[in-house]
N, C-alpha and C. Protein backbone atom coordinates (compact mmCIF):
# COMPACT_ATOMS: atom_id res chain seq x y z
N UNK A 1 0.15 -24.51 -10.99
CA UNK A 1 -0.77 -23.81 -10.08
C UNK A 1 -1.77 -23.05 -10.59
N UNK A 2 -3.02 -22.80 -9.90
CA UNK A 2 -4.12 -22.25 -10.05
C UNK A 2 -4.21 -20.84 -10.31
N UNK A 3 -4.55 -20.41 -11.32
CA UNK A 3 -4.77 -18.96 -11.42
C UNK A 3 -5.15 -18.03 -10.14
N UNK A 4 -4.97 -17.11 -9.77
CA UNK A 4 -4.89 -16.36 -8.26
C UNK A 4 -6.05 -15.05 -9.24
N UNK A 5 -7.08 -15.55 -8.82
CA UNK A 5 -8.46 -14.74 -9.08
C UNK A 5 -8.18 -13.31 -8.40
N UNK A 6 -9.28 -12.25 -9.01
CA UNK A 6 -8.91 -10.90 -8.46
C UNK A 6 -9.60 -10.86 -7.20
N UNK A 7 -10.92 -11.81 -7.01
CA UNK A 7 -11.51 -11.81 -5.32
C UNK A 7 -10.50 -12.57 -4.33
N UNK A 8 -9.51 -13.50 -4.64
CA UNK A 8 -8.61 -14.16 -3.66
C UNK A 8 -7.86 -13.06 -3.81
N UNK A 9 -6.91 -12.48 -4.79
CA UNK A 9 -6.19 -11.51 -4.98
C UNK A 9 -6.45 -10.83 -4.03
N UNK A 10 -7.41 -9.85 -3.96
CA UNK A 10 -8.14 -8.58 -2.72
C UNK A 10 -8.06 -9.11 -1.59
N UNK A 11 -8.59 -10.47 -1.52
CA UNK A 11 -8.92 -11.24 0.12
C UNK A 11 -7.35 -11.05 0.90
N UNK A 12 -6.73 -12.09 -0.33
CA UNK A 12 -5.58 -11.96 0.53
C UNK A 12 -4.41 -10.80 0.39
N UNK A 13 -4.70 -9.87 -0.14
CA UNK A 13 -3.94 -8.77 -0.62
C UNK A 13 -4.50 -7.62 1.07
N UNK A 14 -5.43 -7.79 1.76
CA UNK A 14 -6.27 -7.01 2.55
C UNK A 14 -5.69 -7.78 3.89
N UNK A 15 -5.59 -8.93 3.65
CA UNK A 15 -5.25 -9.70 5.18
C UNK A 15 -3.84 -9.48 5.29
N UNK A 16 -3.03 -9.33 4.51
CA UNK A 16 -1.64 -9.27 4.39
C UNK A 16 -1.56 -7.51 5.16
N UNK A 17 -1.87 -6.72 4.43
CA UNK A 17 -1.91 -5.41 4.72
C UNK A 17 -2.64 -4.82 6.56
N UNK A 18 -4.15 -5.74 6.48
CA UNK A 18 -4.28 -5.76 8.10
C UNK A 18 -3.40 -6.09 8.92
N UNK A 19 -2.51 -7.35 8.72
CA UNK A 19 -2.01 -8.21 9.61
C UNK A 19 -0.46 -6.81 9.73
N UNK A 20 -0.06 -6.77 8.71
CA UNK A 20 1.40 -5.75 8.95
C UNK A 20 0.81 -4.50 9.40
N UNK A 21 -0.15 -3.39 9.23
CA UNK A 21 -0.62 -2.34 10.32
C UNK A 21 -0.87 -2.53 11.50
N UNK A 22 -1.46 -3.65 11.84
CA UNK A 22 -1.71 -3.98 13.16
C UNK A 22 -0.40 -4.73 13.99
N UNK A 23 0.00 -5.25 13.20
CA UNK A 23 1.63 -5.67 13.82
C UNK A 23 2.82 -4.30 13.81
N UNK A 24 2.82 -3.30 13.19
CA UNK A 24 3.21 -1.85 13.10
C UNK A 24 2.96 -1.29 14.44
N UNK A 25 2.11 -1.11 14.47
CA UNK A 25 1.08 -0.18 15.24
C UNK A 25 1.18 -0.53 16.70
N UNK A 26 1.05 -2.16 16.69
CA UNK A 26 0.90 -2.16 18.32
C UNK A 26 2.04 -3.51 18.61
N UNK A 27 2.50 -4.16 18.27
CA UNK A 27 3.66 -4.80 18.32
C UNK A 27 5.11 -4.30 17.80
N UNK A 28 5.62 -3.89 17.08
CA UNK A 28 6.71 -2.98 16.51
C UNK A 28 7.08 -2.13 17.29
N UNK A 29 6.42 -0.94 17.85
CA UNK A 29 6.83 0.37 18.53
C UNK A 29 7.67 -0.79 19.81
N UNK A 30 7.53 -1.50 20.34
CA UNK A 30 8.76 -2.26 21.14
C UNK A 30 9.67 -2.79 21.35
N UNK A 31 9.84 -3.04 19.58
CA UNK A 31 11.33 -3.07 19.52
C UNK A 31 12.50 -2.15 19.93
N UNK A 32 12.30 -1.13 20.04
CA UNK A 32 13.32 -0.29 21.04
C UNK A 32 13.72 -0.50 22.51
N UNK A 33 12.73 -1.16 23.25
CA UNK A 33 12.94 -1.81 24.57
C UNK A 33 13.04 -2.97 24.53
N UNK A 34 13.11 -3.67 23.87
CA UNK A 34 13.20 -4.94 24.10
C UNK A 34 14.85 -5.52 24.11
N UNK A 35 15.17 -6.09 25.13
CA UNK A 35 16.83 -6.31 25.13
C UNK A 35 17.48 -7.51 24.77
N UNK A 36 16.55 -9.03 24.52
CA UNK A 36 17.13 -9.95 24.25
C UNK A 36 18.07 -9.75 22.40
N UNK A 37 18.70 -10.07 21.85
CA UNK A 37 19.24 -9.88 20.23
C UNK A 37 18.63 -10.69 19.52
N UNK A 38 18.54 -11.84 19.67
CA UNK A 38 17.39 -12.52 18.84
C UNK A 38 16.01 -11.86 19.09
N UNK A 39 15.42 -11.86 19.54
CA UNK A 39 14.12 -11.14 20.09
C UNK A 39 13.89 -9.63 19.12
N UNK A 40 15.03 -9.14 19.74
CA UNK A 40 15.35 -7.50 18.94
C UNK A 40 14.83 -7.83 17.45
N UNK A 41 15.95 -8.57 16.83
CA UNK A 41 15.91 -8.65 16.01
C UNK A 41 15.15 -9.43 14.68
N UNK A 42 14.14 -10.11 15.31
CA UNK A 42 12.68 -10.87 15.39
C UNK A 42 11.88 -10.17 14.83
N UNK A 43 11.35 -8.74 15.99
CA UNK A 43 10.86 -8.02 15.76
C UNK A 43 11.34 -7.25 14.97
N UNK A 44 12.27 -6.59 14.81
CA UNK A 44 12.82 -6.08 13.40
C UNK A 44 12.48 -6.26 12.22
N UNK A 45 12.88 -7.49 11.90
CA UNK A 45 12.42 -8.13 10.62
C UNK A 45 10.86 -8.52 10.34
N UNK A 46 10.18 -8.93 11.25
CA UNK A 46 8.95 -9.55 11.44
C UNK A 46 8.35 -8.80 10.29
N UNK A 47 8.16 -7.20 10.03
CA UNK A 47 7.06 -7.05 9.13
C UNK A 47 7.40 -7.40 7.98
N UNK A 48 8.86 -7.78 7.20
CA UNK A 48 9.03 -8.04 6.27
C UNK A 48 8.43 -9.12 5.48
N UNK A 49 7.71 -10.40 6.59
CA UNK A 49 7.24 -11.23 6.10
C UNK A 49 6.12 -10.31 5.26
N UNK A 50 4.89 -9.85 5.88
CA UNK A 50 3.71 -10.03 4.92
C UNK A 50 4.05 -8.73 3.76
N UNK A 51 5.24 -7.77 3.51
CA UNK A 51 5.54 -7.27 2.72
C UNK A 51 6.21 -8.31 1.56
N UNK A 52 6.92 -9.23 2.04
CA UNK A 52 7.23 -10.17 0.88
C UNK A 52 6.07 -10.90 0.12
N UNK A 53 5.01 -11.75 1.46
CA UNK A 53 3.95 -11.90 0.91
C UNK A 53 3.20 -10.78 -0.34
N UNK A 54 2.79 -9.80 -0.42
CA UNK A 54 2.60 -8.73 -1.18
C UNK A 54 3.12 -8.85 -2.43
N UNK A 55 4.58 -8.61 -2.02
CA UNK A 55 4.62 -8.83 -3.13
C UNK A 55 4.91 -10.17 -4.28
N UNK A 56 4.98 -11.47 -3.56
CA UNK A 56 4.58 -12.65 -4.40
C UNK A 56 3.04 -12.16 -4.83
N UNK A 57 2.21 -11.94 -3.97
CA UNK A 57 0.94 -12.02 -4.70
C UNK A 57 0.81 -11.28 -5.96
N UNK A 58 1.55 -9.86 -5.56
CA UNK A 58 1.78 -8.96 -7.15
C UNK A 58 2.22 -9.91 -8.12
N UNK A 59 3.56 -10.55 -7.83
CA UNK A 59 3.40 -11.64 -9.42
C UNK A 59 2.98 -12.34 -9.62
N UNK A 60 2.50 -13.32 -8.38
CA UNK A 60 1.27 -13.94 -9.35
C UNK A 60 0.13 -13.83 -9.90
N UNK A 61 -0.31 -11.86 -9.62
CA UNK A 61 -1.13 -11.53 -10.25
C UNK A 61 -0.78 -11.26 -11.20
N UNK A 62 0.30 -10.43 -11.77
CA UNK A 62 1.35 -10.61 -13.14
C UNK A 62 1.49 -11.89 -13.80
N UNK A 63 1.76 -12.76 -13.67
CA UNK A 63 1.97 -14.07 -14.18
C UNK A 63 0.62 -14.09 -14.79
N UNK A 64 -0.77 -14.36 -14.20
CA UNK A 64 -1.67 -15.14 -14.42
C UNK A 64 -2.67 -13.94 -15.63
N UNK A 65 -2.01 -12.57 -15.92
CA UNK A 65 -2.66 -11.81 -16.47
C UNK A 65 -2.18 -12.13 -18.09
N UNK A 66 -3.13 -11.32 -19.05
CA UNK A 66 -3.10 -11.52 -20.32
C UNK A 66 -1.54 -10.79 -20.77
N UNK A 67 -1.42 -10.40 -22.06
CA UNK A 67 -0.05 -9.97 -22.29
C UNK A 67 -0.50 -8.67 -22.74
N UNK A 68 -1.90 -7.93 -22.53
CA UNK A 68 -1.58 -6.75 -21.98
C UNK A 68 -1.62 -5.85 -21.08
N UNK A 69 -2.73 -6.49 -20.26
CA UNK A 69 -2.15 -6.56 -18.59
C UNK A 69 -0.89 -6.58 -17.82
N UNK A 70 -0.22 -7.92 -18.73
CA UNK A 70 1.10 -7.83 -18.26
C UNK A 70 1.72 -6.62 -18.83
N UNK A 71 1.55 -5.89 -19.75
CA UNK A 71 2.36 -4.53 -20.32
C UNK A 71 2.06 -3.31 -19.54
N UNK A 72 1.09 -3.27 -19.14
CA UNK A 72 0.72 -2.23 -18.18
C UNK A 72 1.19 -2.63 -16.93
N UNK A 73 1.22 -3.37 -16.24
CA UNK A 73 2.30 -3.84 -14.90
C UNK A 73 3.50 -3.20 -15.06
N UNK A 74 4.34 -3.84 -16.17
CA UNK A 74 5.27 -3.36 -16.58
C UNK A 74 6.08 -2.14 -16.98
N UNK A 75 4.76 -1.60 -17.62
CA UNK A 75 5.42 -0.12 -17.37
C UNK A 75 5.31 0.51 -16.37
N UNK A 76 4.24 0.51 -15.31
CA UNK A 76 3.95 0.99 -13.97
C UNK A 76 4.78 0.37 -13.49
N UNK A 77 5.47 -0.68 -13.04
CA UNK A 77 7.18 -0.94 -12.70
C UNK A 77 7.72 -0.07 -12.96
N UNK A 78 8.12 0.24 -14.40
CA UNK A 78 9.18 0.61 -14.89
C UNK A 78 9.24 2.13 -14.39
N UNK A 79 7.91 2.94 -14.17
CA UNK A 79 7.33 3.98 -14.01
C UNK A 79 8.19 4.24 -12.57
N UNK A 80 7.79 3.75 -11.54
CA UNK A 80 7.63 3.50 -9.88
C UNK A 80 8.89 3.25 -9.85
N UNK A 81 9.86 2.46 -10.20
CA UNK A 81 11.09 2.51 -10.20
C UNK A 81 11.81 3.36 -10.39
N UNK A 82 11.24 4.34 -11.58
CA UNK A 82 12.20 5.61 -12.03
C UNK A 82 12.24 6.32 -10.79
N UNK A 83 10.64 6.60 -11.06
CA UNK A 83 10.05 7.72 -9.42
C UNK A 83 11.29 7.65 -8.35
N UNK A 84 11.46 6.45 -7.95
CA UNK A 84 11.51 6.13 -6.42
C UNK A 84 13.20 6.50 -6.49
N UNK A 85 13.53 5.82 -7.40
CA UNK A 85 15.54 6.05 -7.81
C UNK A 85 15.64 7.61 -8.19
N UNK A 86 14.92 7.89 -8.54
CA UNK A 86 14.99 9.69 -8.57
C UNK A 86 14.74 10.38 -7.25
N UNK A 87 13.33 9.74 -6.76
CA UNK A 87 13.53 11.01 -5.20
C UNK A 87 14.40 10.55 -4.46
N UNK A 88 14.98 9.42 -4.37
CA UNK A 88 16.13 8.82 -3.53
C UNK A 88 17.02 9.36 -3.47
N UNK A 89 17.57 9.48 -4.95
CA UNK A 89 18.98 10.13 -5.43
C UNK A 89 19.01 11.70 -5.43
N UNK A 90 17.64 12.26 -5.43
CA UNK A 90 17.35 13.57 -4.99
C UNK A 90 17.15 14.16 -3.23
N UNK A 91 16.75 12.85 -2.51
CA UNK A 91 17.18 13.34 -0.97
C UNK A 91 18.40 12.69 -0.84
N UNK A 92 19.35 11.98 -0.98
CA UNK A 92 20.37 11.59 -0.63
C UNK A 92 21.38 12.96 -0.88
N UNK A 93 21.40 13.61 -2.02
CA UNK A 93 22.07 15.09 -2.48
C UNK A 93 21.52 15.76 -1.08
N UNK A 94 20.11 15.95 -1.08
CA UNK A 94 20.66 17.15 -0.01
C UNK A 94 20.67 16.83 1.17
N UNK A 95 20.47 15.63 1.70
CA UNK A 95 21.07 15.09 2.79
C UNK A 95 22.50 15.43 3.13
N UNK A 96 23.36 14.75 2.24
CA UNK A 96 24.81 15.29 1.74
C UNK A 96 25.03 16.89 2.05
N UNK A 97 24.46 17.08 1.08
CA UNK A 97 24.13 18.63 1.15
C UNK A 97 23.69 19.67 2.55
N UNK A 98 23.85 18.67 3.86
CA UNK A 98 22.60 19.41 4.98
C UNK A 98 21.65 20.44 4.83
N UNK A 99 21.26 20.21 3.43
CA UNK A 99 19.77 21.10 3.17
C UNK A 99 18.75 20.53 4.01
N UNK A 100 18.57 18.88 4.15
CA UNK A 100 17.69 18.52 4.96
C UNK A 100 17.86 17.71 5.82
N UNK A 101 17.49 17.44 7.01
CA UNK A 101 18.37 16.65 7.96
C UNK A 101 17.38 15.25 8.09
N UNK A 102 17.61 14.19 7.38
CA UNK A 102 17.09 12.77 7.20
C UNK A 102 18.12 11.90 7.97
N UNK A 103 17.46 10.93 8.32
CA UNK A 103 18.39 9.82 9.03
C UNK A 103 17.72 8.27 8.34
N UNK A 104 18.58 7.51 8.45
CA UNK A 104 17.84 6.53 8.13
C UNK A 104 16.81 5.72 7.84
N UNK A 105 15.57 6.31 9.04
CA UNK A 105 14.26 5.91 9.29
C UNK A 105 13.99 6.60 7.98
N UNK A 106 14.34 7.10 7.21
CA UNK A 106 13.74 7.33 5.87
C UNK A 106 13.33 6.45 5.33
N UNK A 107 14.39 5.02 5.03
CA UNK A 107 14.22 4.36 3.58
C UNK A 107 12.73 3.68 4.28
N UNK A 108 12.09 3.79 5.34
CA UNK A 108 10.76 2.91 5.26
C UNK A 108 9.84 3.43 4.38
N UNK A 109 9.74 4.42 3.95
CA UNK A 109 9.31 5.24 2.83
C UNK A 109 9.06 4.54 1.65
N UNK A 110 10.61 3.65 0.90
CA UNK A 110 10.56 3.50 0.15
C UNK A 110 9.66 2.67 -0.72
N UNK A 111 9.24 1.56 0.01
CA UNK A 111 8.55 0.57 -0.43
C UNK A 111 7.02 0.86 -0.46
N UNK A 112 6.59 1.93 0.54
CA UNK A 112 4.97 2.43 0.22
C UNK A 112 5.61 3.50 -0.91
N UNK A 113 6.00 4.24 -1.06
CA UNK A 113 6.08 5.00 -2.26
C UNK A 113 6.19 4.34 -3.77
N UNK A 114 7.14 3.29 -3.36
CA UNK A 114 7.01 2.59 -5.11
C UNK A 114 5.50 1.60 -5.58
N UNK A 115 5.28 1.87 -4.39
CA UNK A 115 3.49 1.05 -4.48
C UNK A 115 2.53 2.11 -5.14
N UNK A 116 2.41 3.43 -4.41
CA UNK A 116 1.92 4.38 -4.58
C UNK A 116 2.08 4.28 -6.01
N UNK A 117 3.36 4.98 -6.22
CA UNK A 117 3.89 5.01 -7.96
C UNK A 117 3.42 4.14 -8.95
N UNK A 118 3.52 3.16 -8.25
CA UNK A 118 2.87 1.77 -9.39
C UNK A 118 1.58 1.95 -9.71
N UNK A 119 0.60 1.65 -8.40
CA UNK A 119 -0.81 1.42 -9.01
C UNK A 119 -1.06 2.96 -9.30
N UNK A 120 -0.75 4.30 -9.44
CA UNK A 120 -1.25 5.37 -9.85
C UNK A 120 -0.76 5.14 -11.77
N UNK A 121 0.48 4.81 -11.92
CA UNK A 121 1.16 5.03 -13.21
C UNK A 121 0.17 3.16 -14.00
N UNK A 122 0.11 2.34 -13.22
CA UNK A 122 -0.83 1.17 -13.70
C UNK A 122 -2.66 1.61 -14.03
N UNK A 123 -2.71 2.55 -13.35
CA UNK A 123 -4.16 3.05 -13.35
C UNK A 123 -4.30 4.22 -14.72
N UNK A 124 -3.17 5.34 -14.55
CA UNK A 124 -2.89 5.96 -16.47
C UNK A 124 -2.88 4.96 -17.18
N UNK A 125 -1.88 4.17 -17.46
CA UNK A 125 -1.49 3.54 -19.05
C UNK A 125 -2.61 2.37 -18.82
N UNK A 126 -3.45 1.85 -17.51
CA UNK A 126 -4.61 1.33 -18.12
C UNK A 126 -5.68 2.21 -18.57
N UNK A 127 -5.71 3.08 -18.47
CA UNK A 127 -7.05 4.19 -19.17
C UNK A 127 -6.20 3.93 -20.35
N UNK A 128 -5.04 4.49 -20.62
CA UNK A 128 -4.92 4.38 -21.70
C UNK A 128 -5.10 3.66 -22.89
N UNK A 129 -4.90 2.46 -22.51
CA UNK A 129 -5.27 1.16 -23.36
C UNK A 129 -6.34 0.68 -23.20
N UNK A 130 -7.49 1.76 -22.56
CA UNK A 130 -8.86 1.28 -22.42
C UNK A 130 -9.01 0.27 -21.47
N UNK A 131 -7.82 -0.24 -20.56
CA UNK A 131 -8.85 -1.49 -19.61
C UNK A 131 -9.11 -0.51 -18.65
N UNK A 132 -9.81 -1.87 -17.37
CA UNK A 132 -10.46 -0.86 -16.30
C UNK A 132 -9.44 -2.25 -15.27
N UNK A 133 -8.99 -0.99 -14.98
CA UNK A 133 -7.34 -1.35 -14.11
C UNK A 133 -7.73 -1.38 -12.38
N UNK A 134 -9.08 -1.19 -12.57
CA UNK A 134 -9.58 -0.90 -10.72
C UNK A 134 -9.75 -2.76 -10.63
N UNK A 135 -10.44 -3.08 -11.40
CA UNK A 135 -10.91 -4.58 -11.12
C UNK A 135 -11.24 -5.34 -11.93
N UNK A 136 -11.62 -6.41 -11.92
CA UNK A 136 -12.22 -7.79 -13.13
C UNK A 136 -13.71 -8.02 -12.74
N UNK A 137 -13.95 -8.13 -13.69
CA UNK A 137 -15.79 -7.68 -13.61
C UNK A 137 -16.52 -7.44 -13.02
N UNK A 138 -17.45 -8.72 -12.03
CA UNK A 138 -18.54 -7.80 -11.18
C UNK A 138 -17.75 -7.09 -9.92
N UNK A 139 -16.36 -7.46 -9.34
CA UNK A 139 -15.86 -6.61 -8.51
C UNK A 139 -15.85 -4.97 -8.62
N UNK A 140 -16.54 -4.57 -9.22
CA UNK A 140 -16.28 -3.11 -9.19
C UNK A 140 -16.97 -2.19 -7.37
N UNK A 141 -18.11 -3.13 -7.22
CA UNK A 141 -18.90 -2.44 -5.73
C UNK A 141 -17.72 -2.71 -4.70
N UNK A 142 -17.81 -3.94 -4.63
CA UNK A 142 -16.51 -4.90 -4.10
C UNK A 142 -15.55 -4.27 -3.31
N UNK A 143 -14.62 -4.12 -4.83
CA UNK A 143 -13.68 -3.42 -4.52
C UNK A 143 -13.71 -1.72 -3.65
N UNK A 144 -14.58 -1.12 -3.88
CA UNK A 144 -14.77 0.19 -3.27
C UNK A 144 -14.81 -0.14 -1.68
N UNK A 145 -15.37 -1.40 -1.18
CA UNK A 145 -15.78 -1.45 0.09
C UNK A 145 -14.87 -1.99 0.70
N UNK A 146 -13.93 -3.02 0.25
CA UNK A 146 -12.60 -3.30 0.26
C UNK A 146 -11.92 -1.98 0.83
N UNK A 147 -11.68 -1.02 -0.17
CA UNK A 147 -10.91 0.35 0.24
C UNK A 147 -11.46 0.73 1.59
N UNK A 148 -13.01 1.27 1.48
CA UNK A 148 -13.57 1.56 2.76
C UNK A 148 -13.06 0.84 3.79
N UNK A 149 -12.90 -0.75 4.07
CA UNK A 149 -12.88 -0.93 5.05
C UNK A 149 -11.12 -1.04 5.35
N UNK A 150 -10.54 -1.18 4.38
CA UNK A 150 -9.19 -0.65 4.76
C UNK A 150 -9.12 0.76 5.46
N UNK A 151 -9.88 1.70 4.92
CA UNK A 151 -9.86 2.90 5.80
C UNK A 151 -9.90 2.83 6.84
N UNK A 152 -11.52 1.90 7.26
CA UNK A 152 -11.44 1.60 8.64
C UNK A 152 -10.99 1.34 9.52
N UNK A 153 -9.78 -0.07 9.05
CA UNK A 153 -8.91 -0.49 9.90
C UNK A 153 -7.79 0.45 10.43
N UNK A 154 -7.43 1.52 9.61
CA UNK A 154 -6.23 2.61 9.37
C UNK A 154 -7.17 3.65 10.75
N UNK A 155 -8.41 3.63 10.36
CA UNK A 155 -9.13 4.91 11.24
C UNK A 155 -8.60 4.20 12.87
N UNK A 156 -9.32 3.15 12.88
CA UNK A 156 -9.38 2.55 14.34
C UNK A 156 -7.97 2.39 14.99
N UNK A 157 -7.40 2.24 14.27
CA UNK A 157 -5.34 1.97 14.86
C UNK A 157 -5.28 3.56 15.11
N UNK A 158 -5.80 4.63 14.68
CA UNK A 158 -5.78 5.84 14.47
C UNK A 158 -6.44 6.44 15.93
N UNK A 159 -7.27 6.14 16.11
CA UNK A 159 -7.99 6.00 17.52
C UNK A 159 -7.42 5.24 18.27
N UNK A 160 -7.06 4.04 18.28
CA UNK A 160 -6.49 3.64 19.48
C UNK A 160 -5.20 4.44 19.83
N UNK A 161 -4.21 4.87 18.95
CA UNK A 161 -3.06 5.41 19.11
C UNK A 161 -3.84 6.72 20.29
N UNK A 162 -4.65 7.35 19.78
CA UNK A 162 -4.83 8.67 20.14
C UNK A 162 -5.35 8.26 21.47
N UNK A 163 -6.13 7.29 22.34
CA UNK A 163 -6.22 7.04 23.40
C UNK A 163 -5.01 7.00 24.23
N UNK A 164 -4.10 6.15 23.19
CA UNK A 164 -2.61 5.68 24.46
C UNK A 164 -1.90 6.55 23.96
N UNK A 165 -2.42 7.49 23.78
CA UNK A 165 -0.87 8.85 24.07
C UNK A 165 0.05 8.33 23.03
N UNK A 166 -0.01 8.07 22.10
CA UNK A 166 1.09 8.27 20.60
C UNK A 166 1.65 9.67 20.39
N UNK A 167 2.84 9.70 19.78
CA UNK A 167 2.94 10.74 19.80
C UNK A 167 1.91 11.48 18.17
N UNK A 168 1.81 13.00 18.14
CA UNK A 168 1.08 13.52 16.97
C UNK A 168 1.37 13.24 15.38
N UNK A 169 2.81 12.85 15.54
CA UNK A 169 2.89 12.49 14.32
C UNK A 169 2.42 11.46 13.43
N UNK A 170 2.91 10.07 14.42
CA UNK A 170 2.05 8.74 14.17
C UNK A 170 0.35 8.80 14.36
N UNK A 171 -0.21 9.23 14.73
CA UNK A 171 -1.36 9.54 14.77
C UNK A 171 -2.11 10.28 13.77
N UNK A 172 -1.22 11.69 13.32
CA UNK A 172 -1.92 12.23 12.43
C UNK A 172 -1.89 11.59 11.11
N UNK A 173 -0.72 10.72 10.71
CA UNK A 173 -0.67 9.97 9.50
C UNK A 173 -2.11 8.91 9.35
N UNK A 174 -1.81 8.14 10.46
CA UNK A 174 -2.91 7.27 10.67
C UNK A 174 -4.31 7.64 10.31
N UNK A 175 -4.65 9.13 10.51
CA UNK A 175 -5.70 9.63 10.71
C UNK A 175 -5.55 10.11 9.06
N UNK A 176 -4.81 10.62 8.68
CA UNK A 176 -4.81 11.17 7.44
C UNK A 176 -5.32 9.45 5.98
N UNK A 177 -4.00 8.89 6.29
CA UNK A 177 -4.60 7.96 5.63
C UNK A 177 -5.69 7.79 5.72
N UNK A 178 -6.28 7.29 6.85
CA UNK A 178 -7.58 6.67 6.55
C UNK A 178 -8.55 7.01 6.06
N UNK A 179 -8.55 8.47 6.50
CA UNK A 179 -9.46 9.31 6.12
C UNK A 179 -9.39 9.07 4.55
N UNK A 180 -7.99 9.58 3.77
CA UNK A 180 -7.81 9.04 2.17
C UNK A 180 -8.68 8.10 1.80
N UNK A 181 -8.29 6.64 3.12
CA UNK A 181 -8.93 5.24 2.02
C UNK A 181 -9.89 5.23 1.91
N UNK A 182 -10.65 5.97 3.25
CA UNK A 182 -12.45 6.04 3.26
C UNK A 182 -12.67 7.07 2.07
N UNK A 183 -12.73 8.07 1.89
CA UNK A 183 -13.27 8.51 1.26
C UNK A 183 -12.66 8.63 -0.41
N UNK A 184 -11.79 7.78 -0.52
CA UNK A 184 -11.14 7.56 -1.81
C UNK A 184 -12.22 6.06 -2.31
N UNK A 185 -12.47 5.32 -1.17
CA UNK A 185 -13.74 4.44 -1.14
C UNK A 185 -15.19 5.07 -1.41
N UNK A 186 -15.19 5.57 -0.83
CA UNK A 186 -16.89 6.19 -1.21
C UNK A 186 -16.86 6.82 -2.97
N UNK A 187 -15.20 7.88 -3.10
CA UNK A 187 -15.44 8.37 -4.32
C UNK A 187 -15.72 7.27 -5.16
N UNK A 188 -14.83 5.91 -5.51
CA UNK A 188 -14.88 4.99 -5.85
C UNK A 188 -16.08 4.07 -6.52
N UNK A 189 -17.04 3.89 -5.18
CA UNK A 189 -18.71 3.05 -5.21
C UNK A 189 -19.26 4.49 -5.68
N UNK A 190 -19.31 5.64 -5.29
CA UNK A 190 -20.34 6.60 -6.49
C UNK A 190 -20.02 6.82 -7.90
N UNK A 191 -18.70 6.47 -7.93
CA UNK A 191 -18.23 6.80 -10.00
C UNK A 191 -18.97 5.68 -10.31
N UNK A 192 -18.21 4.52 -9.63
CA UNK A 192 -19.08 3.05 -10.26
C UNK A 192 -20.66 2.69 -10.25
N UNK A 193 -21.30 3.47 -9.36
CA UNK A 193 -22.58 3.24 -9.40
C UNK A 193 -23.06 3.81 -10.51
N UNK A 194 -22.65 5.48 -10.90
CA UNK A 194 -22.87 5.70 -11.88
C UNK A 194 -22.84 5.67 -13.23
N UNK A 195 -22.08 5.14 -13.22
CA UNK A 195 -21.41 4.52 -14.38
C UNK A 195 -22.36 3.07 -14.90
N UNK A 196 -22.49 2.27 -13.48
CA UNK A 196 -23.58 1.19 -14.33
C UNK A 196 -24.91 1.92 -14.43
N UNK A 197 -25.79 3.17 -13.44
CA UNK A 197 -26.97 3.58 -13.75
C UNK A 197 -26.56 4.10 -15.70
N UNK A 198 -25.72 4.86 -15.85
CA UNK A 198 -25.42 5.37 -17.33
C UNK A 198 -25.38 3.88 -18.07
N UNK A 199 -24.87 3.13 -17.91
CA UNK A 199 -25.07 1.78 -19.12
C UNK A 199 -26.34 0.56 -18.95
């Protein structure tokens, strides 16, 4: 099986995330109004397809890394698993004690929480080992542009939701995520440019 280089990994990851975001915003909300059981089950489980694809891409990326990069991946996966398990346990205890009113829909945040913890942990561990975990070779500027592109996609989804009367929570969440991605991409691009100028 050919190696999955960074450019292909980023392109496929971005395509999967764009598909997931578009599906969750435009199609998935109708799962509550669909009456046929097979269609309802299909719509409810369809978002798992891009998520499993993302996990497959991540596994390929780890497989194709050298030993040091694999070590950073595995440490980050261990940290993200531990943090997610601890927060889930904390939330469970608070719910049982009736201190925090949560229902089963909060489980949808487990996977994003794991990915955020994984990314932050891998960045931190990679810096400790002197690795540039953000990208390979000449992909520094391209990764910042991809981050801004993803932020623009989410911002467009937020504008679409605002125009079509979505609830404030969903529009606010999308606006915050989109703004964060755009700002993160711009900051990353500026930092990369300054580092290139210094070297």
